[in-house]
Amino acid sequence: MAIRDLLIILGDQLDRESPLFIGAEPSQDCIWMAEVREESTQVWTHKARIALFLSAMRHFRDELREKGWRVEYREIDARPATLADELRGTIVRLQPDRVRVVEPGEYRVAQALRQVCPALDVVTDTHFLCTNEEFTKHRQGRKQLRLEFFYREMRRRYGVLMDGDQPAGGDWNYDSENRGTFGKGGPDTVPAPATFTPDTVTRKVLHQVNDLFASHPGELRDFDWPVTPVDAESALHDFLDHRLPSFGKYQDAMWTAQPFLYHSRLSSALNLKLIHPRRVIAAAEERYRSGRAPLAAVEGFIRQILGWREYVRGVYWLYMPAYAASNALGAHQPLPRFYWTGDTDMQCLRAAIGQTLEFGYAHHIQRLMITGLFALLLGVEPKQVHEWYLAVYVDAVEWVELPNTIGMSQFADGGIMASKPYAATGKYIQRMSNYCSGCQYDPSQSTGAKACPFATLYWDFLMRHEERFRTNQRMLMQMRNMERMRPAQRAAIQEQAESLRQTLTDAG
């Protein structure tokens, strides 16, 4: 059969309403999908992340075939295949008149596809609510990019949480109401999240991943992620019914052995395009309008999707490829080995990393203010931090993970995304969690045997970058506190910080 259009569907483009289908015909066009080792080995990828992509892709493939589509599909095996090589071979074999793809989510993939097919027809991705061209226009004429202004623009544009031309409740942002802690008693009973028992397709994938990627980090015994649109819709309803009302207040809180708390577990389904962000945003707003969820909770949740998610994608495509090499703070320390094992005597890091290796998941504060904060204060090379986040989280795709890591977490872009680094001592962790309870380190001490490494490294970080941050208006109080330290105290902190860095380097 002669092929008119070869329609490329990438692993994070499993959109049942993809613009690729507009004008396409099963009788004339062919869909191409490929599982290749390259996509699982460019970083040392968590088994659960590999399994999620493969299972979701195969479910989509089966749906397409049931609808009458011809799907050229390559299942993964032990061969060191690349996406480019597989596509090139398919084009030579099928000789399509045209090759089409929705905008790839990763710069590397976009470049590879272009090299194989210079005449590639790239279609605007309608899954997102702000196109790359629109974000570029938003950037023009501004001294700085800031989420808050972009977010307000998106609220007005789509009429989300708006009462006429004013924000619902009178304020744009209710973040001040969303910093609650559980106190010593911990969270109330949190309903178990919706479960997604692996079906035949998923079980086969789990077996293959364990076989082909045995040395990779992570576990699959608890694999339980949405892999179809039906699953994603179930996860959405579970969040709306059982978590959204408390999400706002406790979205930054952490607790031992409570990996999910009031969070949605929707990020992977959104990033694979199993569910549309408009659907999620509208469902959340309806809960506020009907009085079933408080405004602060709904606004905080919507800000993450309509604001932050769209914002980081805009930053990624505006500044790539140079953005990936950003290292404004000159950080060159190697990533500690315990990031891959969880084997550390710091309880907060052991909890966050252990949870990550078990489930392929940690919520945004665990990522930003535990694993990310420690890497920032230690001075880890940003590229290594980026590659770790891309490897270990099931929801990681580069357009969202890279700016979050390079810009927000590590401040390696020098302030493009955020006006200040998210630097804090262990006292923040102590306030927001129970991780410090029973830990051998004391968050109030920065030197000595019981000194919390976060406290030691925090002050050392401010000293190392004193010139850069002295004039940063948002860091004036932090810098003044540091400047009050006696010379002997500063020297002792710097000595202990250097000893800690050397110990971690020697440990591999």
Protein backbone atom coordinates (compact mmCIF):
# COMPACT_ATOMS: atom_id res chain seq x y z
CA MET A 1 0.00 0.00 0.00
CA ALA A 2 1.33 3.42 -0.97
CA ILE A 3 1.79 5.71 2.04
CA ARG A 4 0.73 9.34 1.84
CA ASP A 5 1.72 10.51 5.32
CA LEU A 6 3.92 8.76 7.86
CA LEU A 7 2.65 10.06 11.21
CA ILE A 8 5.29 9.93 13.95
CA ILE A 9 3.93 9.51 17.48
CA LEU A 10 6.61 9.84 20.15
CA GLY A 11 6.47 8.21 23.56
CA ASP A 12 5.26 11.36 25.33
CA GLN A 13 2.67 12.23 22.65
CA LEU A 14 -0.06 9.71 23.37
CA ASP A 15 -2.79 12.24 22.67
CA ARG A 16 -6.04 10.71 21.44
CA GLU A 17 -6.94 14.15 20.04
CA SER A 18 -3.58 14.81 18.44
CA PRO A 19 -3.57 17.41 15.65
CA LEU A 20 -1.80 14.78 13.56
CA PHE A 21 -5.18 13.10 13.06
CA ILE A 22 -6.78 16.17 11.47
CA GLY A 23 -7.22 15.30 7.81
CA ALA A 24 -5.49 11.94 8.22
CA GLU A 25 -7.03 8.75 6.82
CA PRO A 26 -6.32 5.14 7.89
CA SER A 27 -6.67 4.11 4.24
CA GLN A 28 -3.84 6.40 3.11
CA ASP A 29 -1.65 7.18 6.11
CA CYS A 30 0.47 5.14 8.49
CA ILE A 31 1.38 5.72 12.12
CA TRP A 32 4.95 5.09 13.25
CA MET A 33 5.95 4.40 16.87
CA ALA A 34 9.19 2.95 18.19
CA GLU A 35 10.60 1.75 21.49
CA VAL A 36 14.39 2.05 21.40
CA ARG A 37 17.05 1.51 24.03
CA GLU A 38 18.51 4.95 23.42
CA GLU A 39 15.55 6.58 25.14
CA SER A 40 16.07 4.45 28.25
CA THR A 41 19.86 4.66 28.43
CA GLN A 42 20.77 8.27 27.57
CA VAL A 43 20.46 8.64 31.35
CA TRP A 44 20.44 5.73 33.81
CA THR A 45 16.67 5.59 33.79
CA HIS A 46 14.49 4.28 36.64
CA LYS A 47 12.77 1.00 35.73
CA ALA A 48 9.34 2.46 36.56
CA ARG A 49 9.87 5.35 34.15
CA ILE A 50 10.80 2.96 31.34
CA ALA A 51 7.83 0.72 32.12
CA LEU A 52 5.38 3.64 32.24
CA PHE A 53 6.37 4.90 28.79
CA LEU A 54 6.35 1.44 27.19
CA SER A 55 3.04 0.36 28.71
CA ALA A 56 1.28 3.61 27.79
CA MET A 57 2.68 3.44 24.24
CA ARG A 58 1.51 -0.15 23.73
CA HIS A 59 -1.97 0.58 25.02
CA PHE A 60 -2.22 3.46 22.54
CA ARG A 61 -0.90 1.26 19.73
CA ASP A 62 -3.58 -1.34 20.43
CA GLU A 63 -6.33 1.30 20.46
CA LEU A 64 -5.16 2.69 17.13
CA ARG A 65 -5.12 -0.72 15.51
CA GLU A 66 -8.62 -1.44 16.81
CA LYS A 67 -9.75 1.75 15.07
CA GLY A 68 -8.33 0.53 11.77
CA TRP A 69 -5.03 2.35 11.68
CA ARG A 70 -1.92 0.76 10.23
CA VAL A 71 0.70 1.15 12.96
CA GLU A 72 4.35 0.46 12.25
CA TYR A 73 5.51 -0.36 15.76
CA ARG A 74 8.91 -1.52 16.96
CA GLU A 75 9.07 -3.15 20.38
CA ILE A 76 12.18 -2.78 22.45
CA ASP A 77 14.85 -5.48 22.55
CA ALA A 78 18.53 -5.79 23.41
CA ARG A 79 19.76 -4.09 20.23
CA PRO A 80 21.39 -0.64 20.73
CA ALA A 81 18.92 1.04 18.37
CA THR A 82 18.34 4.79 18.13
CA LEU A 83 15.15 6.62 17.24
CA ALA A 84 16.86 8.19 14.23
CA ASP A 85 18.11 4.86 12.86
CA GLU A 86 14.69 3.24 13.19
CA LEU A 87 12.94 6.15 11.49
CA ARG A 88 15.46 6.26 8.68
CA GLY A 89 14.97 2.58 7.96
CA THR A 90 11.19 2.95 7.94
CA ILE A 91 11.27 5.90 5.54
CA VAL A 92 13.52 3.97 3.13
CA ARG A 93 11.22 0.96 3.30
CA LEU A 94 7.82 2.68 3.06
CA GLN A 95 8.73 5.73 0.92
CA PRO A 96 5.97 8.01 2.29
CA ASP A 97 5.11 11.21 0.45
CA ARG A 98 5.39 13.20 3.66
CA VAL A 99 6.56 12.68 7.25
CA ARG A 100 4.70 14.53 10.01
CA VAL A 101 5.16 14.92 13.76
CA VAL A 102 3.77 17.03 16.57
CA GLU A 103 6.41 19.33 18.08
CA PRO A 104 8.76 17.04 20.06
CA GLY A 105 9.11 17.76 23.76
CA GLU A 106 12.89 17.39 23.74
CA TYR A 107 15.43 19.42 21.79
CA ARG A 108 17.67 16.39 21.20
CA VAL A 109 14.82 14.40 19.65
CA ALA A 110 13.71 17.33 17.49
CA GLN A 111 17.24 17.69 16.11
CA ALA A 112 17.58 13.96 15.45
CA LEU A 113 14.30 13.81 13.52
CA ARG A 114 15.28 16.85 11.45
CA GLN A 115 18.58 15.22 10.51
CA VAL A 116 16.80 12.11 9.30
CA CYS A 117 14.09 14.04 7.48
CA PRO A 118 14.97 17.67 6.64
CA ALA A 119 11.51 18.16 5.07
CA LEU A 120 9.77 17.01 8.26
CA ASP A 121 6.36 18.62 8.72
CA VAL A 122 6.17 19.76 12.37
CA VAL A 123 2.67 20.40 13.71
CA THR A 124 1.91 22.81 16.58
CA ASP A 125 1.20 20.94 19.80
CA THR A 126 -2.37 21.76 20.83
CA HIS A 127 -2.00 19.91 24.13
CA PHE A 128 -0.39 23.03 25.56
CA LEU A 129 -2.25 26.25 26.24
CA CYS A 130 0.59 28.57 25.22
CA THR A 131 2.49 28.01 21.98
CA ASN A 132 6.23 28.59 21.81
CA GLU A 133 5.58 31.57 19.53
CA GLU A 134 3.15 33.06 22.03
CA PHE A 135 5.65 32.65 24.85
CA THR A 136 8.35 34.35 22.80
CA LYS A 137 5.95 37.25 22.27
CA HIS A 138 5.27 37.34 26.03
CA ARG A 139 9.02 37.65 26.65
CA GLN A 140 9.51 40.59 24.28
CA GLY A 141 9.88 43.97 25.94
CA ARG A 142 10.33 42.53 29.45
CA LYS A 143 13.47 42.98 31.50
CA GLN A 144 12.80 39.68 33.28
CA LEU A 145 10.63 36.63 32.92
CA ARG A 146 8.51 36.01 35.99
CA LEU A 147 5.86 33.35 36.52
CA GLU A 148 3.38 35.64 38.26
CA PHE A 149 2.90 37.95 35.27
CA PHE A 150 2.66 35.04 32.83
CA TYR A 151 0.18 33.25 35.08
CA ARG A 152 -2.11 36.29 35.30
CA GLU A 153 -1.99 36.64 31.54
CA MET A 154 -3.04 32.99 31.12
CA ARG A 155 -5.86 33.34 33.68
CA ARG A 156 -7.28 36.31 31.78
CA ARG A 157 -6.83 34.67 28.39
CA TYR A 158 -8.69 31.50 29.32
CA GLY A 159 -11.10 32.99 31.86
CA VAL A 160 -9.90 30.61 34.59
CA LEU A 161 -10.89 31.49 38.17
CA MET A 162 -12.08 34.89 36.97
CA ASP A 163 -15.13 36.85 38.09
CA GLY A 164 -15.55 39.23 35.20
CA ASP A 165 -12.20 40.96 34.75
CA GLN A 166 -11.12 40.30 38.34
CA PRO A 167 -9.56 37.18 39.90
CA ALA A 168 -11.93 35.02 41.94
CA GLY A 169 -11.82 36.05 45.58
CA GLY A 170 -10.05 39.32 44.75
CA ASP A 171 -6.46 38.00 44.76
CA TRP A 172 -4.38 36.32 42.08
CA ASN A 173 -2.35 34.19 44.43
CA TYR A 174 -3.18 32.41 47.70
CA ASP A 175 0.24 30.94 48.29
CA SER A 176 0.39 32.42 51.80
CA GLU A 177 -2.48 30.12 52.79
CA ASN A 178 -0.79 27.05 51.32
CA ARG A 179 2.15 26.54 53.68
CA GLY A 180 0.56 24.45 56.39
CA THR A 181 2.40 21.82 58.39
CA PHE A 182 1.06 18.69 60.07
CA GLY A 183 2.50 19.42 63.49
CA LYS A 184 3.81 16.69 65.76
CA GLY A 185 0.71 14.55 65.29
CA GLY A 186 1.20 14.11 61.57
CA PRO A 187 -1.48 14.09 58.88
CA ASP A 188 -4.97 12.80 59.43
CA THR A 189 -5.79 9.52 57.76
CA VAL A 190 -5.18 10.01 54.06
CA PRO A 191 -7.30 7.82 51.78
CA ALA A 192 -5.23 5.42 49.73
CA PRO A 193 -4.88 6.70 46.16
CA ALA A 194 -6.65 5.06 43.26
CA THR A 195 -4.84 1.92 42.12
CA PHE A 196 -4.08 0.74 38.60
CA THR A 197 -3.46 -2.98 38.68
CA PRO A 198 -1.18 -4.00 35.78
CA ASP A 199 -3.09 -5.70 32.97
CA THR A 200 -1.67 -8.20 30.47
CA VAL A 201 0.05 -5.50 28.42
CA THR A 202 1.64 -3.89 31.45
CA ARG A 203 2.71 -7.20 33.00
CA LYS A 204 4.59 -8.09 29.82
CA VAL A 205 6.30 -4.70 29.90
CA LEU A 206 7.33 -5.14 33.54
CA HIS A 207 8.86 -8.51 32.73
CA GLN A 208 10.78 -7.09 29.76
CA VAL A 209 12.07 -4.08 31.69
CA ASN A 210 13.31 -6.27 34.54
CA ASP A 211 15.04 -8.47 31.96
CA LEU A 212 16.54 -5.82 29.68
CA PHE A 213 17.36 -3.19 32.32
CA ALA A 214 18.23 -5.31 35.34
CA SER A 215 21.06 -3.00 36.45
CA HIS A 216 18.96 0.17 36.33
CA PRO A 217 17.79 1.87 39.54
CA GLY A 218 14.36 1.47 41.05
CA GLU A 219 11.80 -1.23 41.64
CA LEU A 220 8.74 -2.49 39.75
CA ARG A 221 6.98 -4.53 42.42
CA ASP A 222 4.82 -1.51 43.32
CA PHE A 223 4.28 -0.25 39.77
CA ASP A 224 0.93 1.53 39.89
CA TRP A 225 0.62 4.38 37.40
CA PRO A 226 -2.08 5.50 34.95
CA VAL A 227 -1.23 4.15 31.49
CA THR A 228 -4.48 4.93 29.61
CA PRO A 229 -6.91 7.87 29.41
CA VAL A 230 -9.41 5.86 31.48
CA ASP A 231 -6.76 5.45 34.18
CA ALA A 232 -5.94 9.16 34.04
CA GLU A 233 -9.60 10.11 34.42
CA SER A 234 -9.83 7.80 37.43
CA ALA A 235 -6.76 9.44 38.98
CA LEU A 236 -8.31 12.87 38.40
CA HIS A 237 -11.57 11.94 40.14
CA ASP A 238 -9.66 10.36 43.02
CA PHE A 239 -7.75 13.61 43.51
CA LEU A 240 -10.83 15.79 43.25
CA ASP A 241 -12.82 13.68 45.70
CA HIS A 242 -10.18 12.84 48.30
CA ARG A 243 -7.25 15.26 48.08
CA LEU A 244 -7.99 18.59 46.43
CA PRO A 245 -9.74 20.19 49.46
CA SER A 246 -6.60 19.66 51.58
CA PHE A 247 -4.05 19.99 48.78
CA GLY A 248 -3.58 23.73 49.10
CA LYS A 249 -2.90 23.93 52.81
CA TYR A 250 -0.59 20.91 52.88
CA GLN A 251 1.00 20.97 49.42
CA ASP A 252 4.43 21.81 50.87
CA ALA A 253 4.27 19.43 53.84
CA MET A 254 6.18 16.14 54.07
CA TRP A 255 5.86 13.09 56.27
CA THR A 256 7.72 9.80 56.62
CA ALA A 257 6.13 6.84 54.78
CA GLN A 258 3.52 9.12 53.20
CA PRO A 259 4.77 9.52 49.63
CA PHE A 260 1.59 10.90 48.03
CA LEU A 261 -0.34 12.70 50.79
CA TYR A 262 -2.74 15.16 49.09
CA HIS A 263 -0.99 15.32 45.72
CA SER A 264 -2.67 14.33 42.49
CA ARG A 265 -0.31 11.83 40.79
CA LEU A 266 -1.47 13.39 37.50
CA SER A 267 1.82 14.83 36.27
CA SER A 268 2.91 11.69 34.41
CA ALA A 269 -0.51 11.34 32.75
CA LEU A 270 -0.40 14.99 31.70
CA ASN A 271 3.14 14.72 30.39
CA LEU A 272 2.35 11.60 28.35
CA LYS A 273 -0.83 13.39 27.15
CA LEU A 274 -3.22 10.81 28.50
CA ILE A 275 -5.38 13.66 29.77
CA HIS A 276 -5.67 17.26 28.60
CA PRO A 277 -4.74 20.11 30.96
CA ARG A 278 -7.96 21.93 30.04
CA ARG A 279 -9.94 18.99 31.41
CA VAL A 280 -7.97 19.00 34.66
CA ILE A 281 -8.18 22.77 35.11
CA ALA A 282 -11.91 22.89 34.40
CA ALA A 283 -12.64 20.01 36.79
CA ALA A 284 -10.69 21.69 39.59
CA GLU A 285 -12.40 25.06 39.05
CA GLU A 286 -15.82 23.38 39.09
CA ARG A 287 -15.05 22.05 42.58
CA TYR A 288 -14.47 25.62 43.77
CA ARG A 289 -17.54 26.98 42.01
CA SER A 290 -19.74 24.26 43.51
CA GLY A 291 -18.36 24.84 47.01
CA ARG A 292 -16.63 21.47 47.29
CA ALA A 293 -13.06 22.78 47.53
CA PRO A 294 -11.63 26.02 48.97
CA LEU A 295 -10.34 28.69 46.61
CA ALA A 296 -6.79 28.59 48.01
CA ALA A 297 -6.50 24.86 47.25
CA VAL A 298 -7.95 25.15 43.76
CA GLU A 299 -5.91 28.22 42.86
CA GLY A 300 -2.70 26.60 44.09
CA PHE A 301 -3.36 23.50 42.01
CA ILE A 302 -4.35 25.39 38.87
CA ARG A 303 -1.28 27.61 39.18
CA GLN A 304 0.91 24.54 38.84
CA ILE A 305 -0.76 23.53 35.57
CA LEU A 306 -1.91 26.72 33.85
CA GLY A 307 0.99 28.74 35.23
CA TRP A 308 4.13 26.81 36.06
CA ARG A 309 3.80 23.91 33.60
CA GLU A 310 3.27 26.22 30.63
CA TYR A 311 5.92 28.65 31.88
CA VAL A 312 8.73 26.12 32.13
CA ARG A 313 7.98 24.79 28.65
CA GLY A 314 8.24 28.32 27.30
CA VAL A 315 11.58 28.85 29.03
CA TYR A 316 12.90 25.53 27.70
CA TRP A 317 12.21 26.27 24.04
CA LEU A 318 13.17 29.94 24.31
CA TYR A 319 16.67 29.24 25.63
CA MET A 320 17.66 25.80 24.36
CA PRO A 321 20.17 24.39 23.56
CA ALA A 322 22.51 26.69 25.52
CA TYR A 323 20.24 26.50 28.59
CA ALA A 324 21.19 22.88 29.25
CA ALA A 325 24.83 23.85 29.82
CA SER A 326 24.03 26.70 32.24
CA ASN A 327 26.24 26.85 35.33
CA ALA A 328 26.04 30.43 36.58
CA LEU A 329 27.27 29.53 40.08
CA GLY A 330 30.32 27.61 38.81
CA ALA A 331 29.29 24.38 40.57
CA HIS A 332 31.48 21.35 39.83
CA GLN A 333 31.07 18.95 42.76
CA PRO A 334 30.11 15.40 41.70
CA LEU A 335 26.63 14.16 42.57
CA PRO A 336 26.91 12.08 45.77
CA ARG A 337 26.65 8.34 45.22
CA PHE A 338 23.82 8.06 47.75
CA TYR A 339 21.47 9.75 45.27
CA TRP A 340 21.40 6.39 43.48
CA THR A 341 21.12 4.22 46.61
CA GLY A 342 19.47 6.25 49.39
CA ASP A 343 22.29 5.08 51.66
CA THR A 344 22.88 8.17 53.80
CA ASP A 345 22.59 8.97 57.50
CA MET A 346 20.67 12.19 56.75
CA GLN A 347 17.08 11.11 57.38
CA CYS A 348 15.43 13.65 55.09
CA LEU A 349 17.54 12.61 52.11
CA ARG A 350 17.18 8.93 52.93
CA ALA A 351 13.38 9.32 53.02
CA ALA A 352 13.07 11.37 49.83
CA ILE A 353 15.55 9.30 47.81
CA GLY A 354 14.28 5.99 49.18
CA GLN A 355 10.75 6.93 48.16
CA THR A 356 12.03 8.03 44.75
CA LEU A 357 13.82 4.76 44.10
CA GLU A 358 10.81 2.75 45.25
CA PHE A 359 8.06 4.56 43.36
CA GLY A 360 9.76 6.86 40.85
CA TYR A 361 7.95 9.69 42.61
CA ALA A 362 8.46 12.57 45.02
CA HIS A 363 6.34 15.69 45.27
CA HIS A 364 7.61 19.13 44.35
CA ILE A 365 8.88 20.18 47.79
CA GLN A 366 10.77 16.92 48.29
CA ARG A 367 12.44 17.58 44.94
CA LEU A 368 13.07 21.31 45.45
CA MET A 369 13.81 21.54 49.17
CA ILE A 370 15.38 18.15 49.94
CA THR A 371 17.27 16.59 47.03
CA GLY A 372 17.55 19.80 45.01
CA LEU A 373 18.49 21.96 47.97
CA PHE A 374 21.27 19.66 49.10
CA ALA A 375 22.76 19.56 45.60
CA LEU A 376 22.56 23.37 45.36
CA LEU A 377 24.25 23.96 48.70
CA LEU A 378 26.89 21.30 48.08
CA GLY A 379 27.72 22.83 44.70
CA VAL A 380 26.96 19.84 42.46
CA GLU A 381 27.49 20.31 38.72
CA PRO A 382 24.00 21.22 37.39
CA LYS A 383 24.18 18.82 34.45
CA GLN A 384 24.62 15.89 36.85
CA VAL A 385 21.64 17.03 38.92
CA HIS A 386 19.55 17.40 35.76
CA GLU A 387 20.47 13.92 34.54
CA TRP A 388 19.53 12.41 37.90
CA TYR A 389 16.07 14.03 37.93
CA LEU A 390 15.49 13.04 34.31
CA ALA A 391 16.45 9.46 35.16
CA VAL A 392 14.56 8.76 38.37
CA TYR A 393 11.10 10.32 38.11
CA VAL A 394 8.30 8.70 36.11
CA ASP A 395 6.90 12.10 35.07
CA ALA A 396 10.24 13.41 33.81
CA VAL A 397 10.34 14.68 30.25
CA GLU A 398 13.08 17.13 29.43
CA TRP A 399 11.01 20.22 28.55
CA VAL A 400 9.62 20.31 32.11
CA GLU A 401 12.41 18.68 34.10
CA LEU A 402 15.39 20.64 32.73
CA PRO A 403 14.14 24.19 33.50
CA ASN A 404 12.85 23.09 36.90
CA THR A 405 16.28 21.68 37.73
CA ILE A 406 18.63 24.13 36.04
CA GLY A 407 16.58 27.24 36.73
CA MET A 408 14.49 26.81 39.84
CA SER A 409 16.32 24.16 41.84
CA GLN A 410 19.98 24.93 41.07
CA PHE A 411 19.78 28.61 40.03
CA ALA A 412 22.26 27.65 37.33
CA ASP A 413 20.61 29.97 34.79
CA GLY A 414 21.58 32.98 36.90
CA GLY A 415 18.03 34.18 37.47
CA ILE A 416 16.14 33.63 34.20
CA MET A 417 13.41 31.58 35.88
CA ALA A 418 13.57 32.71 39.48
CA SER A 419 14.75 35.90 41.16
CA LYS A 420 16.66 34.11 43.94
CA PRO A 421 18.02 30.66 44.74
CA TYR A 422 15.88 28.44 46.95
CA ALA A 423 18.52 28.25 49.67
CA ALA A 424 17.54 27.28 53.22
CA THR A 425 18.90 25.51 56.29
CA GLY A 426 17.65 22.26 57.78
CA LYS A 427 15.25 24.31 59.91
CA TYR A 428 12.94 24.60 56.90
CA ILE A 429 12.88 20.82 56.60
CA GLN A 430 12.28 20.49 60.33
CA ARG A 431 9.32 22.87 60.14
CA MET A 432 7.71 21.20 57.10
CA SER A 433 8.21 17.52 58.01
CA ASN A 434 9.05 14.97 60.68
CA TYR A 435 12.27 13.97 58.92
CA CYS A 436 14.46 15.58 61.59
CA SER A 437 12.87 13.61 64.44
CA GLY A 438 15.44 11.12 65.67
CA CYS A 439 18.06 12.21 63.13
CA GLN A 440 21.62 12.31 64.44
CA TYR A 441 22.03 15.84 63.08
CA ASP A 442 20.72 19.03 64.69
CA PRO A 443 19.30 21.65 62.25
CA SER A 444 20.23 24.43 64.68
CA GLN A 445 23.95 23.59 64.57
CA SER A 446 26.27 24.44 61.68
CA THR A 447 29.57 23.16 63.12
CA GLY A 448 30.57 20.21 65.23
CA ALA A 449 29.73 16.51 65.21
CA LYS A 450 25.96 17.06 65.37
CA ALA A 451 25.84 19.87 62.84
CA CYS A 452 23.18 19.41 60.18
CA PRO A 453 24.91 19.29 56.77
CA PHE A 454 22.15 21.51 55.40
CA ALA A 455 23.02 24.20 57.97
CA THR A 456 26.76 23.94 57.36
CA LEU A 457 26.42 24.03 53.60
CA TYR A 458 23.82 26.81 53.68
CA TRP A 459 26.14 29.30 55.33
CA ASP A 460 29.05 28.10 53.22
CA PHE A 461 26.91 28.62 50.10
CA LEU A 462 26.18 32.24 51.07
CA MET A 463 29.85 32.86 51.76
CA ARG A 464 30.97 31.33 48.46
CA HIS A 465 28.54 33.53 46.53
CA GLU A 466 28.66 36.63 48.71
CA GLU A 467 29.53 38.98 45.86
CA ARG A 468 26.72 37.75 43.62
CA PHE A 469 23.94 37.84 46.23
CA ARG A 470 24.90 40.91 48.25
CA THR A 471 22.80 43.15 45.99
CA ASN A 472 19.90 40.71 45.48
CA GLN A 473 16.92 42.46 47.10
CA ARG A 474 15.21 39.17 47.95
CA MET A 475 18.29 37.90 49.80
CA LEU A 476 19.18 40.96 51.85
CA MET A 477 18.10 39.44 55.17
CA GLN A 478 19.97 36.19 54.53
CA MET A 479 23.14 38.03 53.56
CA ARG A 480 22.94 40.36 56.56
CA ASN A 481 22.61 37.38 58.90
CA MET A 482 25.68 35.84 57.33
CA GLU A 483 27.65 39.08 57.55
CA ARG A 484 27.05 39.23 61.32
CA MET A 485 29.09 36.05 61.83
CA ARG A 486 32.45 36.38 63.51
CA PRO A 487 35.49 35.53 61.33
CA ALA A 488 36.29 32.45 63.44
CA GLN A 489 32.75 31.13 63.06
CA ARG A 490 32.85 31.65 59.30
CA ALA A 491 36.18 29.87 59.04
CA ALA A 492 34.90 26.90 61.06
CA ILE A 493 31.85 26.56 58.82
CA GLN A 494 33.94 26.73 55.66
CA GLU A 495 36.34 24.12 57.00
CA GLN A 496 33.52 21.74 57.93
CA ALA A 497 31.83 22.27 54.56
CA GLU A 498 35.03 21.48 52.69
CA SER A 499 35.53 18.35 54.78
CA LEU A 500 31.98 17.24 53.96
CA ARG A 501 32.51 17.80 50.24
CA GLN A 502 35.74 15.82 50.33
CA THR A 503 34.11 12.95 52.24
CA LEU A 504 31.31 12.71 49.71
CA THR A 505 33.76 12.85 46.81
CA ASP A 506 35.90 10.08 48.33
CA ALA A 507 32.76 7.97 48.77
CA GLY A 508 32.26 7.95 45.01
